[in-house]
Amino acid sequence: EVQKGVAVEPSEPRTKSGLYWGFQTRLAKSLKAVFEECPFGRYDLTIGTSERGEVLGLGRLPKFQHLLVAFGGLGGFEEVI
């Protein structure tokens, strides 16, 4: 069965249907813009993924309100900075 959908504003599922997806995404022109254009002023916690990084369990994360998770490419996160 084929189902059709339509793109909507990111806030629509929350405001019209009371649904919360748990995260938001946005495009940025550069890594610097990710931080400078933060819609919350700043991120409480920033995590970058890398095969050379330190493994953190959920119990080791500090409390936060605004988390940024940045995914590195094939060369790891180090390749983009």
Protein backbone atom coordinates (compact mmCIF):
# COMPACT_ATOMS: atom_id res chain seq x y z
CA GLU A 1 0.00 0.00 0.00
CA VAL A 2 1.37 3.41 -0.98
CA GLN A 3 0.93 6.25 1.48
CA LYS A 4 1.47 9.87 0.52
CA GLY A 5 2.72 12.60 2.78
CA VAL A 6 3.38 16.30 2.65
CA ALA A 7 6.21 18.33 4.12
CA VAL A 8 5.09 20.58 6.98
CA GLU A 9 6.73 23.09 9.28
CA PRO A 10 8.82 21.36 12.00
CA SER A 11 6.53 22.70 14.74
CA GLU A 12 3.30 21.40 13.16
CA PRO A 13 3.29 17.86 14.66
CA ARG A 14 3.69 19.40 18.12
CA THR A 15 1.29 22.33 17.78
CA LYS A 16 -1.51 20.63 15.80
CA SER A 17 -1.29 17.03 16.97
CA GLY A 18 0.51 17.24 20.31
CA LEU A 19 3.33 15.00 19.05
CA TYR A 20 6.94 15.52 20.06
CA TRP A 21 9.71 13.85 18.06
CA GLY A 22 12.35 14.50 20.69
CA PHE A 23 14.77 16.44 18.51
CA GLN A 24 15.13 19.17 15.94
CA THR A 25 17.47 19.40 13.00
CA ARG A 26 18.72 22.39 11.04
CA LEU A 27 21.15 23.15 8.26
CA ALA A 28 24.14 25.38 8.83
CA LYS A 29 26.51 26.90 6.27
CA SER A 30 29.60 25.95 8.29
CA LEU A 31 30.70 24.34 11.53
CA LYS A 32 31.23 27.82 12.96
CA ALA A 33 27.63 28.74 12.04
CA VAL A 34 26.36 25.70 13.96
CA PHE A 35 27.45 27.41 17.18
CA GLU A 36 27.02 31.07 16.25
CA GLU A 37 23.44 30.59 15.01
CA CYS A 38 22.28 28.45 17.92
CA PRO A 39 18.54 29.12 18.37
CA PHE A 40 18.91 28.72 22.16
CA GLY A 41 21.78 31.16 22.62
CA ARG A 42 24.19 28.30 23.31
CA TYR A 43 24.23 24.53 23.75
CA ASP A 44 24.63 23.14 27.27
CA LEU A 45 26.34 20.02 25.97
CA THR A 46 28.05 19.26 22.66
CA ILE A 47 29.00 15.75 21.52
CA GLY A 48 30.94 14.93 18.37
CA THR A 49 31.21 11.38 17.07
CA SER A 50 34.52 9.80 16.12
CA GLU A 51 35.99 6.33 16.09
CA ARG A 52 38.92 7.85 18.01
CA GLY A 53 36.73 9.40 20.70
CA GLU A 54 35.99 8.38 24.26
CA VAL A 55 33.02 6.10 24.87
CA LEU A 56 30.54 7.67 27.28
CA GLY A 57 27.71 5.82 28.94
CA LEU A 58 24.44 7.65 29.47
CA GLY A 59 25.14 7.73 33.21
CA ARG A 60 28.23 9.88 32.61
CA LEU A 61 26.39 12.65 30.77
CA PRO A 62 25.77 15.83 32.77
CA LYS A 63 22.27 17.30 32.91
CA PHE A 64 21.45 19.54 29.97
CA GLN A 65 18.59 21.33 28.24
CA HIS A 66 20.07 21.85 24.78
CA LEU A 67 22.29 19.12 23.33
CA LEU A 68 24.15 19.27 20.03
CA VAL A 69 25.22 15.98 18.47
CA ALA A 70 27.55 16.38 15.49
CA PHE A 71 28.21 13.36 13.28
CA GLY A 72 31.57 13.09 11.57
CA GLY A 73 32.06 11.71 8.08
CA LEU A 74 34.04 8.66 7.02
CA GLY A 75 37.26 10.34 8.14
CA GLY A 76 35.78 11.06 11.58
CA PHE A 77 34.79 14.35 13.10
CA GLU A 78 38.41 15.50 13.04
CA GLU A 79 38.23 15.76 9.25
CA VAL A 80 35.68 18.58 9.35
CA ILE A 81 37.49 20.77 11.88
